[in-house]
PDB file of N, CA and C in Angstrom:
ATOM      1  N   MET A   1     132.273 130.202   1.666  1.00  0.00           N
ATOM      2  CA  MET A   1     131.279 129.477   2.430  1.00  0.00           C
ATOM      3  C   MET A   1     130.073 129.180   1.541  1.00  0.00           C
ATOM      4  N   MET A   2     129.592 127.965   1.599  1.00  0.00           N
ATOM      5  CA  MET A   2     128.471 127.568   0.760  1.00  0.00           C
ATOM      6  C   MET A   2     127.147 128.040   1.371  1.00  0.00           C
ATOM      7  N   ARG A   3     126.293 128.579   0.540  1.00  0.00           N
ATOM      8  CA  ARG A   3     124.970 129.041   0.971  1.00  0.00           C
ATOM      9  C   ARG A   3     124.037 127.850   1.110  1.00  0.00           C
ATOM     10  N   VAL A   4     123.267 127.799   2.194  1.00  0.00           N
ATOM     11  CA  VAL A   4     122.302 126.745   2.423  1.00  0.00           C
ATOM     12  C   VAL A   4     120.906 127.333   2.273  1.00  0.00           C
ATOM     13  N   TYR A   5     120.109 126.711   1.437  1.00  0.00           N
ATOM     14  CA  TYR A   5     118.727 127.137   1.231  1.00  0.00           C
ATOM     15  C   TYR A   5     117.819 126.164   1.957  1.00  0.00           C
ATOM     16  N   GLU A   6     116.881 126.694   2.725  1.00  0.00           N
ATOM     17  CA  GLU A   6     115.994 125.857   3.520  1.00  0.00           C
ATOM     18  C   GLU A   6     114.684 125.543   2.816  1.00  0.00           C
ATOM     19  N   LYS A   7     114.368 126.248   1.753  1.00  0.00           N
ATOM     20  CA  LYS A   7     113.099 126.048   1.051  1.00  0.00           C
ATOM     21  C   LYS A   7     113.359 125.779  -0.421  1.00  0.00           C
ATOM     22  N   ALA A   8     112.410 125.059  -1.016  1.00  0.00           N
ATOM     23  CA  ALA A   8     112.527 124.719  -2.430  1.00  0.00           C
ATOM     24  C   ALA A   8     111.151 124.664  -3.064  1.00  0.00           C
ATOM     25  N   LEU A   9     111.120 124.926  -4.356  1.00  0.00           N
ATOM     26  CA  LEU A   9     109.922 124.705  -5.163  1.00  0.00           C
ATOM     27  C   LEU A   9     110.264 123.652  -6.198  1.00  0.00           C
ATOM     28  N   ILE A  10     109.428 122.646  -6.283  1.00  0.00           N
ATOM     29  CA  ILE A  10     109.574 121.594  -7.291  1.00  0.00           C
ATOM     30  C   ILE A  10     108.604 121.931  -8.404  1.00  0.00           C
ATOM     31  N   ILE A  11     109.134 122.194  -9.601  1.00  0.00           N
ATOM     32  CA  ILE A  11     108.316 122.701 -10.696  1.00  0.00           C
ATOM     33  C   ILE A  11     108.604 121.914 -11.962  1.00  0.00           C
ATOM     34  N   ASP A  12     107.559 121.557 -12.677  1.00  0.00           N
ATOM     35  CA  ASP A  12     107.665 120.810 -13.925  1.00  0.00           C
ATOM     36  C   ASP A  12     108.054 121.737 -15.070  1.00  0.00           C
ATOM     37  N   GLU A  13     108.535 121.145 -16.139  1.00  0.00           N
ATOM     38  CA  GLU A  13     108.770 121.881 -17.377  1.00  0.00           C
ATOM     39  C   GLU A  13     107.436 122.018 -18.113  1.00  0.00           C
ATOM     40  N   PRO A  14     107.225 123.058 -18.835  1.00  0.00           N
ATOM     41  CA  PRO A  14     108.179 124.111 -19.188  1.00  0.00           C
ATOM     42  C   PRO A  14     108.209 125.268 -18.190  1.00  0.00           C
ATOM     43  N   TRP A  15     107.450 125.131 -17.110  1.00  0.00           N
ATOM     44  CA  TRP A  15     107.243 126.262 -16.199  1.00  0.00           C
ATOM     45  C   TRP A  15     108.513 126.718 -15.490  1.00  0.00           C
ATOM     46  N   VAL A  16     109.335 125.775 -15.015  1.00  0.00           N
ATOM     47  CA  VAL A  16     110.541 126.178 -14.302  1.00  0.00           C
ATOM     48  C   VAL A  16     111.495 126.930 -15.231  1.00  0.00           C
ATOM     49  N   SER A  17     111.592 126.510 -16.483  1.00  0.00           N
ATOM     50  CA  SER A  17     112.445 127.233 -17.437  1.00  0.00           C
ATOM     51  C   SER A  17     111.891 128.617 -17.728  1.00  0.00           C
ATOM     52  N   LYS A  18     110.574 128.744 -17.835  1.00  0.00           N
ATOM     53  CA  LYS A  18     109.964 130.059 -18.074  1.00  0.00           C
ATOM     54  C   LYS A  18     110.242 131.008 -16.905  1.00  0.00           C
ATOM     55  N   ILE A  19     110.234 130.477 -15.684  1.00  0.00           N
ATOM     56  CA  ILE A  19     110.553 131.302 -14.514  1.00  0.00           C
ATOM     57  C   ILE A  19     111.995 131.779 -14.603  1.00  0.00           C
ATOM     58  N   LEU A  20     112.919 130.880 -14.877  1.00  0.00           N
ATOM     59  CA  LEU A  20     114.333 131.233 -14.918  1.00  0.00           C
ATOM     60  C   LEU A  20     114.680 132.154 -16.087  1.00  0.00           C
ATOM     61  N   GLU A  21     113.896 132.099 -17.162  1.00  0.00           N
ATOM     62  CA  GLU A  21     114.110 132.980 -18.308  1.00  0.00           C
ATOM     63  C   GLU A  21     113.424 134.333 -18.130  1.00  0.00           C
ATOM     64  N   GLY A  22     112.697 134.523 -17.036  1.00  0.00           N
ATOM     65  CA  GLY A  22     112.033 135.796 -16.767  1.00  0.00           C
ATOM     66  C   GLY A  22     110.694 135.957 -17.464  1.00  0.00           C
ATOM     67  N   GLU A  23     110.187 134.906 -18.100  1.00  0.00           N
ATOM     68  CA  GLU A  23     108.904 134.982 -18.806  1.00  0.00           C
ATOM     69  C   GLU A  23     107.715 134.826 -17.855  1.00  0.00           C
ATOM     70  N   LYS A  24     107.903 134.159 -16.745  1.00  0.00           N
ATOM     71  CA  LYS A  24     106.822 133.810 -15.819  1.00  0.00           C
ATOM     72  C   LYS A  24     107.216 134.292 -14.423  1.00  0.00           C
ATOM     73  N   VAL A  25     106.359 135.089 -13.774  1.00  0.00           N
ATOM     74  CA  VAL A  25     106.686 135.612 -12.445  1.00  0.00           C
ATOM     75  C   VAL A  25     105.770 135.052 -11.350  1.00  0.00           C
ATOM     76  N   TRP A  26     104.712 134.355 -11.730  1.00  0.00           N
ATOM     77  CA  TRP A  26     103.822 133.711 -10.767  1.00  0.00           C
ATOM     78  C   TRP A  26     103.902 132.204 -10.937  1.00  0.00           C
ATOM     79  N   GLU A  27     104.004 131.489  -9.834  1.00  0.00           N
ATOM     80  CA  GLU A  27     103.860 130.039  -9.815  1.00  0.00           C
ATOM     81  C   GLU A  27     102.607 129.743  -8.997  1.00  0.00           C
ATOM     82  N   LEU A  28     101.593 129.171  -9.643  1.00  0.00           N
ATOM     83  CA  LEU A  28     100.320 128.929  -8.966  1.00  0.00           C
ATOM     84  C   LEU A  28     100.373 127.659  -8.131  1.00  0.00           C
ATOM     85  N   ARG A  29      99.862 127.758  -6.910  1.00  0.00           N
ATOM     86  CA  ARG A  29      99.825 126.636  -5.977  1.00  0.00           C
ATOM     87  C   ARG A  29      98.439 126.506  -5.354  1.00  0.00           C
ATOM     88  N   SER A  30      98.172 125.319  -4.823  1.00  0.00           N
ATOM     89  CA  SER A  30      96.854 125.077  -4.210  1.00  0.00           C
ATOM     90  C   SER A  30      96.859 125.380  -2.717  1.00  0.00           C
ATOM     91  N   THR A  31      98.031 125.604  -2.131  1.00  0.00           N
ATOM     92  CA  THR A  31      98.097 125.950  -0.716  1.00  0.00           C
ATOM     93  C   THR A  31      98.875 127.235  -0.517  1.00  0.00           C
ATOM     94  N   ARG A  32      98.535 127.926   0.532  1.00  0.00           N
ATOM     95  CA  ARG A  32      99.146 129.207   0.869  1.00  0.00           C
ATOM     96  C   ARG A  32     100.432 128.992   1.661  1.00  0.00           C
ATOM     97  N   THR A  33     101.361 129.922   1.535  1.00  0.00           N
ATOM     98  CA  THR A  33     102.567 129.919   2.364  1.00  0.00           C
ATOM     99  C   THR A  33     102.777 131.314   2.935  1.00  0.00           C
ATOM    100  N   ASN A  34     103.347 131.383   4.113  1.00  0.00           N
ATOM    101  CA  ASN A  34     103.714 132.659   4.726  1.00  0.00           C
ATOM    102  C   ASN A  34     105.197 132.956   4.537  1.00  0.00           C
ATOM    103  N   PHE A  35     105.899 132.029   3.887  1.00  0.00           N
ATOM    104  CA  PHE A  35     107.336 132.190   3.675  1.00  0.00           C
ATOM    105  C   PHE A  35     107.606 133.258   2.623  1.00  0.00           C
ATOM    106  N   ASN A  36     108.572 134.098   2.898  1.00  0.00           N
ATOM    107  CA  ASN A  36     109.145 135.023   1.928  1.00  0.00           C
ATOM    108  C   ASN A  36     110.656 134.901   2.055  1.00  0.00           C
ATOM    109  N   GLY A  37     111.343 134.872   0.915  1.00  0.00           N
ATOM    110  CA  GLY A  37     112.794 134.799   0.963  1.00  0.00           C
ATOM    111  C   GLY A  37     113.357 133.915  -0.127  1.00  0.00           C
ATOM    112  N   PRO A  38     114.663 133.630  -0.034  1.00  0.00           N
ATOM    113  CA  PRO A  38     115.337 132.846  -1.074  1.00  0.00           C
ATOM    114  C   PRO A  38     114.955 131.371  -1.008  1.00  0.00           C
ATOM    115  N   LEU A  39     114.910 130.753  -2.181  1.00  0.00           N
ATOM    116  CA  LEU A  39     114.634 129.320  -2.272  1.00  0.00           C
ATOM    117  C   LEU A  39     115.269 128.771  -3.533  1.00  0.00           C
ATOM    118  N   VAL A  40     115.390 127.451  -3.589  1.00  0.00           N
ATOM    119  CA  VAL A  40     115.934 126.822  -4.791  1.00  0.00           C
ATOM    120  C   VAL A  40     114.785 126.331  -5.655  1.00  0.00           C
ATOM    121  N   LEU A  41     115.045 126.251  -6.951  1.00  0.00           N
ATOM    122  CA  LEU A  41     114.079 125.735  -7.911  1.00  0.00           C
ATOM    123  C   LEU A  41     114.565 124.376  -8.383  1.00  0.00           C
ATOM    124  N   ILE A  42     113.690 123.377  -8.272  1.00  0.00           N
ATOM    125  CA  ILE A  42     114.025 122.010  -8.619  1.00  0.00           C
ATOM    126  C   ILE A  42     113.192 121.567  -9.808  1.00  0.00           C
ATOM    127  N   ARG A  43     113.854 121.042 -10.845  1.00  0.00           N
ATOM    128  CA  ARG A  43     113.141 120.500 -12.003  1.00  0.00           C
ATOM    129  C   ARG A  43     112.497 119.184 -11.579  1.00  0.00           C
ATOM    130  N   LYS A  44     111.171 119.129 -11.704  1.00  0.00           N
ATOM    131  CA  LYS A  44     110.403 117.995 -11.198  1.00  0.00           C
ATOM    132  C   LYS A  44     110.832 116.654 -11.779  1.00  0.00           C
ATOM    133  N   THR A  45     111.029 116.564 -13.065  1.00  0.00           N
ATOM    134  CA  THR A  45     111.312 115.272 -13.691  1.00  0.00           C
ATOM    135  C   THR A  45     112.667 114.697 -13.300  1.00  0.00           C
ATOM    136  N   SER A  46     113.641 115.558 -13.018  1.00  0.00           N
ATOM    137  CA  SER A  46     114.984 115.071 -12.713  1.00  0.00           C
ATOM    138  C   SER A  46     115.344 115.170 -11.237  1.00  0.00           C
ATOM    139  N   GLY A  47     114.635 116.021 -10.509  1.00  0.00           N
ATOM    140  CA  GLY A  47     114.989 116.252  -9.116  1.00  0.00           C
ATOM    141  C   GLY A  47     116.238 117.094  -8.954  1.00  0.00           C
ATOM    142  N   THR A  48     116.669 117.725 -10.033  1.00  0.00           N
ATOM    143  CA  THR A  48     117.889 118.516 -10.024  1.00  0.00           C
ATOM    144  C   THR A  48     117.599 119.968  -9.647  1.00  0.00           C
ATOM    145  N   VAL A  49     118.421 120.509  -8.781  1.00  0.00           N
ATOM    146  CA  VAL A  49     118.341 121.928  -8.443  1.00  0.00           C
ATOM    147  C   VAL A  49     118.924 122.697  -9.625  1.00  0.00           C
ATOM    148  N   ILE A  50     118.104 123.555 -10.246  1.00  0.00           N
ATOM    149  CA  ILE A  50     118.591 124.250 -11.442  1.00  0.00           C
ATOM    150  C   ILE A  50     118.678 125.760 -11.289  1.00  0.00           C
ATOM    151  N   GLY A  51     118.168 126.308 -10.180  1.00  0.00           N
ATOM    152  CA  GLY A  51     118.250 127.748 -10.011  1.00  0.00           C
ATOM    153  C   GLY A  51     117.804 128.197  -8.639  1.00  0.00           C
ATOM    154  N   ILE A  52     117.840 129.505  -8.474  1.00  0.00           N
ATOM    155  CA  ILE A  52     117.379 130.126  -7.233  1.00  0.00           C
ATOM    156  C   ILE A  52     116.415 131.247  -7.576  1.00  0.00           C
ATOM    157  N   ALA A  53     115.588 131.592  -6.616  1.00  0.00           N
ATOM    158  CA  ALA A  53     114.652 132.700  -6.771  1.00  0.00           C
ATOM    159  C   ALA A  53     114.344 133.247  -5.383  1.00  0.00           C
ATOM    160  N   THR A  54     113.716 134.402  -5.359  1.00  0.00           N
ATOM    161  CA  THR A  54     113.236 134.973  -4.113  1.00  0.00           C
ATOM    162  C   THR A  54     111.720 135.006  -4.157  1.00  0.00           C
ATOM    163  N   LEU A  55     111.092 134.378  -3.181  1.00  0.00           N
ATOM    164  CA  LEU A  55     109.643 134.430  -3.057  1.00  0.00           C
ATOM    165  C   LEU A  55     109.308 135.726  -2.348  1.00  0.00           C
ATOM    166  N   VAL A  56     108.623 136.630  -3.058  1.00  0.00           N
ATOM    167  CA  VAL A  56     108.346 137.955  -2.508  1.00  0.00           C
ATOM    168  C   VAL A  56     106.904 138.103  -2.018  1.00  0.00           C
ATOM    169  N   GLY A  57     106.087 137.075  -2.231  1.00  0.00           N
ATOM    170  CA  GLY A  57     104.723 137.151  -1.718  1.00  0.00           C
ATOM    171  C   GLY A  57     103.863 136.012  -2.210  1.00  0.00           C
ATOM    172  N   CYS A  58     102.860 135.707  -1.411  1.00  0.00           N
ATOM    173  CA  CYS A  58     101.855 134.711  -1.769  1.00  0.00           C
ATOM    174  C   CYS A  58     100.512 135.432  -1.779  1.00  0.00           C
ATOM    175  N   LEU A  59      99.875 135.458  -2.912  1.00  0.00           N
ATOM    176  CA  LEU A  59      98.637 136.202  -3.098  1.00  0.00           C
ATOM    177  C   LEU A  59      97.442 135.255  -3.074  1.00  0.00           C
ATOM    178  N   LEU A  60      96.247 135.816  -3.051  1.00  0.00           N
ATOM    179  CA  LEU A  60      95.026 135.027  -3.192  1.00  0.00           C
ATOM    180  C   LEU A  60      94.375 135.425  -4.500  1.00  0.00           C
ATOM    181  N   LEU A  61      94.206 134.458  -5.384  1.00  0.00           N
ATOM    182  CA  LEU A  61      93.582 134.690  -6.679  1.00  0.00           C
ATOM    183  C   LEU A  61      92.281 133.909  -6.725  1.00  0.00           C
ATOM    184  N   PRO A  62      91.146 134.587  -6.921  1.00  0.00           N
ATOM    185  CA  PRO A  62      89.911 133.829  -7.096  1.00  0.00           C
ATOM    186  C   PRO A  62      90.094 132.799  -8.205  1.00  0.00           C
ATOM    187  N   GLN A  63      89.549 131.607  -7.988  1.00  0.00           N
ATOM    188  CA  GLN A  63      89.860 130.487  -8.862  1.00  0.00           C
ATOM    189  C   GLN A  63      88.910 130.339 -10.040  1.00  0.00           C
ATOM    190  N   SER A  64      88.561 131.416 -10.658  1.00  0.00           N
ATOM    191  CA  SER A  64      87.686 131.321 -11.823  1.00  0.00           C
ATOM    192  C   SER A  64      88.508 131.353 -13.105  1.00  0.00           C
ATOM    193  N   ARG A  65      87.919 130.861 -14.151  1.00  0.00           N
ATOM    194  CA  ARG A  65      88.558 130.877 -15.469  1.00  0.00           C
ATOM    195  C   ARG A  65      88.836 132.312 -15.904  1.00  0.00           C
ATOM    196  N   ALA A  66      87.909 133.228 -15.589  1.00  0.00           N
ATOM    197  CA  ALA A  66      88.078 134.635 -15.967  1.00  0.00           C
ATOM    198  C   ALA A  66      89.296 135.249 -15.266  1.00  0.00           C
ATOM    199  N   ASP A  67      89.502 134.909 -13.999  1.00  0.00           N
ATOM    200  CA  ASP A  67      90.661 135.435 -13.268  1.00  0.00           C
ATOM    201  C   ASP A  67      91.970 134.898 -13.831  1.00  0.00           C
ATOM    202  N   LEU A  68      91.973 133.617 -14.184  1.00  0.00           N
ATOM    203  CA  LEU A  68      93.174 133.049 -14.800  1.00  0.00           C
ATOM    204  C   LEU A  68      93.475 133.728 -16.128  1.00  0.00           C
ATOM    205  N   ALA A  69      92.449 133.958 -16.920  1.00  0.00           N
ATOM    206  CA  ALA A  69      92.647 134.618 -18.219  1.00  0.00           C
ATOM    207  C   ALA A  69      93.191 136.036 -18.027  1.00  0.00           C
ATOM    208  N   LEU A  70      92.672 136.748 -17.049  1.00  0.00           N
ATOM    209  CA  LEU A  70      93.106 138.120 -16.784  1.00  0.00           C
ATOM    210  C   LEU A  70      94.587 138.192 -16.404  1.00  0.00           C
ATOM    211  N   HIS A  71      95.062 137.192 -15.682  1.00  0.00           N
ATOM    212  CA  HIS A  71      96.431 137.202 -15.183  1.00  0.00           C
ATOM    213  C   HIS A  71      97.393 136.315 -15.986  1.00  0.00           C
ATOM    214  N   GLU A  72      96.988 135.920 -17.175  1.00  0.00           N
ATOM    215  CA  GLU A  72      97.842 135.064 -18.001  1.00  0.00           C
ATOM    216  C   GLU A  72      99.252 135.620 -18.219  1.00  0.00           C
ATOM    217  N   PRO A  73      99.441 136.928 -18.384  1.00  0.00           N
ATOM    218  CA  PRO A  73     100.815 137.429 -18.573  1.00  0.00           C
ATOM    219  C   PRO A  73     101.743 137.128 -17.393  1.00  0.00           C
ATOM    220  N   LEU A  74     101.184 136.875 -16.214  1.00  0.00           N
ATOM    221  CA  LEU A  74     102.005 136.604 -15.037  1.00  0.00           C
ATOM    222  C   LEU A  74     102.267 135.116 -14.815  1.00  0.00           C
ATOM    223  N   HIS A  75     101.255 134.258 -15.078  1.00  0.00           N
ATOM    224  CA  HIS A  75     101.420 132.825 -14.813  1.00  0.00           C
ATOM    225  C   HIS A  75     101.695 132.000 -16.068  1.00  0.00           C
ATOM    226  N   LYS A  76     101.412 132.536 -17.231  1.00  0.00           N
ATOM    227  CA  LYS A  76     101.730 131.926 -18.532  1.00  0.00           C
ATOM    228  C   LYS A  76     100.998 130.619 -18.845  1.00  0.00           C
ATOM    229  N   ILE A  77      99.928 130.307 -18.128  1.00  0.00           N
ATOM    230  CA  ILE A  77      99.154 129.113 -18.474  1.00  0.00           C
ATOM    231  C   ILE A  77      98.351 129.430 -19.728  1.00  0.00           C
ATOM    232  N   PRO A  78      98.517 128.660 -20.803  1.00  0.00           N
ATOM    233  CA  PRO A  78      97.816 128.949 -22.053  1.00  0.00           C
ATOM    234  C   PRO A  78      96.299 128.808 -21.890  1.00  0.00           C
ATOM    235  N   PRO A  79      95.538 129.549 -22.678  1.00  0.00           N
ATOM    236  CA  PRO A  79      94.076 129.500 -22.576  1.00  0.00           C
ATOM    237  C   PRO A  79      93.507 128.076 -22.617  1.00  0.00           C
ATOM    238  N   ALA A  80      94.063 127.214 -23.425  1.00  0.00           N
ATOM    239  CA  ALA A  80      93.544 125.843 -23.552  1.00  0.00           C
ATOM    240  C   ALA A  80      93.703 125.038 -22.262  1.00  0.00           C
ATOM    241  N   GLU A  81      94.605 125.452 -21.365  1.00  0.00           N
ATOM    242  CA  GLU A  81      94.852 124.724 -20.115  1.00  0.00           C
ATOM    243  C   GLU A  81      94.267 125.410 -18.887  1.00  0.00           C
ATOM    244  N   GLN A  82      93.670 126.585 -19.070  1.00  0.00           N
ATOM    245  CA  GLN A  82      93.195 127.345 -17.919  1.00  0.00           C
ATOM    246  C   GLN A  82      91.970 126.726 -17.240  1.00  0.00           C
ATOM    247  N   ASP A  83      91.109 126.044 -17.983  1.00  0.00           N
ATOM    248  CA  ASP A  83      89.968 125.377 -17.349  1.00  0.00           C
ATOM    249  C   ASP A  83      90.456 124.311 -16.384  1.00  0.00           C
ATOM    250  N   ARG A  84      91.435 123.537 -16.803  1.00  0.00           N
ATOM    251  CA  ARG A  84      91.992 122.495 -15.937  1.00  0.00           C
ATOM    252  C   ARG A  84      92.645 123.115 -14.699  1.00  0.00           C
ATOM    253  N   ALA A  85      93.403 124.188 -14.890  1.00  0.00           N
ATOM    254  CA  ALA A  85      94.069 124.849 -13.761  1.00  0.00           C
ATOM    255  C   ALA A  85      93.053 125.398 -12.766  1.00  0.00           C
ATOM    256  N   ALA A  86      91.965 125.968 -13.269  1.00  0.00           N
ATOM    257  CA  ALA A  86      90.921 126.488 -12.381  1.00  0.00           C
ATOM    258  C   ALA A  86      90.247 125.341 -11.632  1.00  0.00           C
ATOM    259  N   GLY A  87      90.102 124.200 -12.285  1.00  0.00           N
ATOM    260  CA  GLY A  87      89.433 123.049 -11.683  1.00  0.00           C
ATOM    261  C   GLY A  87      90.228 122.351 -10.600  1.00  0.00           C
ATOM    262  N   ILE A  88      91.555 122.500 -10.599  1.00  0.00           N
ATOM    263  CA  ILE A  88      92.358 121.828  -9.579  1.00  0.00           C
ATOM    264  C   ILE A  88      92.744 122.764  -8.442  1.00  0.00           C
ATOM    265  N   GLY A  89      92.176 123.952  -8.434  1.00  0.00           N
ATOM    266  CA  GLY A  89      92.325 124.837  -7.283  1.00  0.00           C
ATOM    267  C   GLY A  89      93.674 125.482  -7.100  1.00  0.00           C
ATOM    268  N   ARG A  90      94.228 126.004  -8.148  1.00  0.00           N
ATOM    269  CA  ARG A  90      95.513 126.711  -8.048  1.00  0.00           C
ATOM    270  C   ARG A  90      95.246 128.184  -7.772  1.00  0.00           C
ATOM    271  N   GLY A  91      94.804 128.506  -6.560  1.00  0.00           N
ATOM    272  CA  GLY A  91      94.386 129.863  -6.246  1.00  0.00           C
ATOM    273  C   GLY A  91      95.383 130.726  -5.509  1.00  0.00           C
ATOM    274  N   TYR A  92      96.615 130.233  -5.327  1.00  0.00           N
ATOM    275  CA  TYR A  92      97.611 131.009  -4.604  1.00  0.00           C
ATOM    276  C   TYR A  92      98.839 131.246  -5.474  1.00  0.00           C
ATOM    277  N   PRO A  93      98.918 132.406  -6.114  1.00  0.00           N
ATOM    278  CA  PRO A  93     100.118 132.723  -6.895  1.00  0.00           C
ATOM    279  C   PRO A  93     101.294 133.060  -5.976  1.00  0.00           C
ATOM    280  N   LEU A  94     102.394 132.366  -6.183  1.00  0.00           N
ATOM    281  CA  LEU A  94     103.635 132.711  -5.510  1.00  0.00           C
ATOM    282  C   LEU A  94     104.373 133.676  -6.432  1.00  0.00           C
ATOM    283  N   SER A  95     104.629 134.859  -5.945  1.00  0.00           N
ATOM    284  CA  SER A  95     105.293 135.884  -6.744  1.00  0.00           C
ATOM    285  C   SER A  95     106.800 135.749  -6.572  1.00  0.00           C
ATOM    286  N   LEU A  96     107.494 135.485  -7.704  1.00  0.00           N
ATOM    287  CA  LEU A  96     108.930 135.209  -7.685  1.00  0.00           C
ATOM    288  C   LEU A  96     109.723 136.340  -8.327  1.00  0.00           C
ATOM    289  N   ALA A  97     110.886 136.615  -7.775  1.00  0.00           N
ATOM    290  CA  ALA A  97     111.769 137.659  -8.311  1.00  0.00           C
ATOM    291  C   ALA A  97     113.213 137.184  -8.196  1.00  0.00           C
ATOM    292  N   GLN A  98     114.121 137.922  -8.797  1.00  0.00           N
ATOM    293  CA  GLN A  98     115.562 137.665  -8.724  1.00  0.00           C
ATOM    294  C   GLN A  98     115.898 136.205  -9.051  1.00  0.00           C
ATOM    295  N   CYS A  99     115.322 135.699 -10.125  1.00  0.00           N
ATOM    296  CA  CYS A  99     115.524 134.309 -10.523  1.00  0.00           C
ATOM    297  C   CYS A  99     116.840 134.167 -11.285  1.00  0.00           C
ATOM    298  N   GLN A 100     117.608 133.150 -10.923  1.00  0.00           N
ATOM    299  CA  GLN A 100     118.903 132.908 -11.563  1.00  0.00           C
ATOM    300  C   GLN A 100     119.098 131.416 -11.770  1.00  0.00           C
ATOM    301  N   THR A 101     119.652 131.067 -12.921  1.00  0.00           N
ATOM    302  CA  THR A 101     120.022 129.687 -13.201  1.00  0.00           C
ATOM    303  C   THR A 101     121.392 129.419 -12.603  1.00  0.00           C
ATOM    304  N   PHE A 102     121.563 128.234 -11.999  1.00  0.00           N
ATOM    305  CA  PHE A 102     122.879 127.843 -11.512  1.00  0.00           C
ATOM    306  C   PHE A 102     123.763 127.510 -12.696  1.00  0.00           C
ATOM    307  N   ALA A 103     125.020 127.908 -12.628  1.00  0.00           N
ATOM    308  CA  ALA A 103     125.950 127.652 -13.722  1.00  0.00           C
ATOM    309  C   ALA A 103     126.197 126.158 -13.914  1.00  0.00           C
ATOM    310  N   SER A 104     126.270 125.399 -12.834  1.00  0.00           N
ATOM    311  CA  SER A 104     126.519 123.960 -12.935  1.00  0.00           C
ATOM    312  C   SER A 104     125.360 123.199 -12.290  1.00  0.00           C
ATOM    313  N   ALA A 105     124.173 123.458 -12.782  1.00  0.00           N
ATOM    314  CA  ALA A 105     122.961 122.909 -12.168  1.00  0.00           C
ATOM    315  C   ALA A 105     122.944 121.394 -12.129  1.00  0.00           C
ATOM    316  N   GLY A 106     123.510 120.725 -13.096  1.00  0.00           N
ATOM    317  CA  GLY A 106     123.445 119.273 -13.143  1.00  0.00           C
ATOM    318  C   GLY A 106     124.086 118.583 -11.956  1.00  0.00           C
ATOM    319  N   ALA A 107     124.982 119.271 -11.268  1.00  0.00           N
ATOM    320  CA  ALA A 107     125.698 118.645 -10.164  1.00  0.00           C
ATOM    321  C   ALA A 107     124.994 118.827  -8.822  1.00  0.00           C
ATOM    322  N   LEU A 108     123.938 119.597  -8.771  1.00  0.00           N
ATOM    323  CA  LEU A 108     123.309 119.918  -7.500  1.00  0.00           C
ATOM    324  C   LEU A 108     122.067 119.076  -7.259  1.00  0.00           C
ATOM    325  N   ARG A 109     121.949 118.548  -6.073  1.00  0.00           N
ATOM    326  CA  ARG A 109     120.787 117.773  -5.657  1.00  0.00           C
ATOM    327  C   ARG A 109     120.318 118.312  -4.313  1.00  0.00           C
ATOM    328  N   PRO A 110     119.006 118.314  -4.062  1.00  0.00           N
ATOM    329  CA  PRO A 110     118.546 118.795  -2.756  1.00  0.00           C
ATOM    330  C   PRO A 110     118.948 117.821  -1.654  1.00  0.00           C
ATOM    331  N   SER A 111     119.186 118.362  -0.462  1.00  0.00           N
ATOM    332  CA  SER A 111     119.511 117.503   0.679  1.00  0.00           C
ATOM    333  C   SER A 111     118.215 116.962   1.265  1.00  0.00           C
ATOM    334  N   MET A 112     118.323 115.936   2.060  1.00  0.00           N
ATOM    335  CA  MET A 112     117.147 115.339   2.680  1.00  0.00           C
ATOM    336  C   MET A 112     116.472 116.317   3.635  1.00  0.00           C
ATOM    337  N   GLY A 113     117.212 117.290   4.150  1.00  0.00           N
ATOM    338  CA  GLY A 113     116.644 118.238   5.095  1.00  0.00           C
ATOM    339  C   GLY A 113     115.992 119.439   4.455  1.00  0.00           C
ATOM    340  N   THR A 114     116.003 119.526   3.140  1.00  0.00           N
ATOM    341  CA  THR A 114     115.418 120.676   2.458  1.00  0.00           C
ATOM    342  C   THR A 114     113.907 120.607   2.512  1.00  0.00           C
ATOM    343  N   ALA A 115     113.306 121.637   3.044  1.00  0.00           N
ATOM    344  CA  ALA A 115     111.851 121.707   3.064  1.00  0.00           C
ATOM    345  C   ALA A 115     111.367 122.249   1.736  1.00  0.00           C
ATOM    346  N   ASP A 116     110.242 121.725   1.250  1.00  0.00           N
ATOM    347  CA  ASP A 116     109.749 122.252  -0.015  1.00  0.00           C
ATOM    348  C   ASP A 116     108.380 122.869   0.181  1.00  0.00           C
ATOM    349  N   LEU A 117     108.009 123.680  -0.794  1.00  0.00           N
ATOM    350  CA  LEU A 117     106.716 124.357  -0.776  1.00  0.00           C
ATOM    351  C   LEU A 117     105.733 123.647  -1.686  1.00  0.00           C
ATOM    352  N   GLY A 118     106.011 122.421  -2.051  1.00  0.00           N
ATOM    353  CA  GLY A 118     105.086 121.638  -2.845  1.00  0.00           C
ATOM    354  C   GLY A 118     105.524 121.473  -4.283  1.00  0.00           C
ATOM    355  N   GLU A 119     104.833 120.560  -4.959  1.00  0.00           N
ATOM    356  CA  GLU A 119     105.094 120.292  -6.362  1.00  0.00           C
ATOM    357  C   GLU A 119     104.047 120.958  -7.224  1.00  0.00           C
ATOM    358  N   ALA A 120     104.457 121.316  -8.447  1.00  0.00           N
ATOM    359  CA  ALA A 120     103.515 121.896  -9.409  1.00  0.00           C
ATOM    360  C   ALA A 120     102.750 120.789 -10.074  1.00  0.00           C
TER     361      ALA A 120
END
């Protein structure tokens, strides 16, 4: 039986690859979500579903440059880009776990009924 995922995150490169490689555990967003559970990861440029993850929590991060610098090991935004990230209000880290790449990711596309949690 095929598993159906109701939620998705649309994420640009290089961030989606860093998540799937285990280098990045936070995806910063400008809006909060109460959803916890499994979701698919979609590469923004291609619209292709390339993996799955479990959203284990949505936190509140003060949106200062100092806070971004302190949490760089979790979100992986380089210092040169942190001023821009702080300026666009990415104050809600989505904490991701159990990330896996699909073996045949190129063949998967999201359905029209898939709800997403926003674009990066």
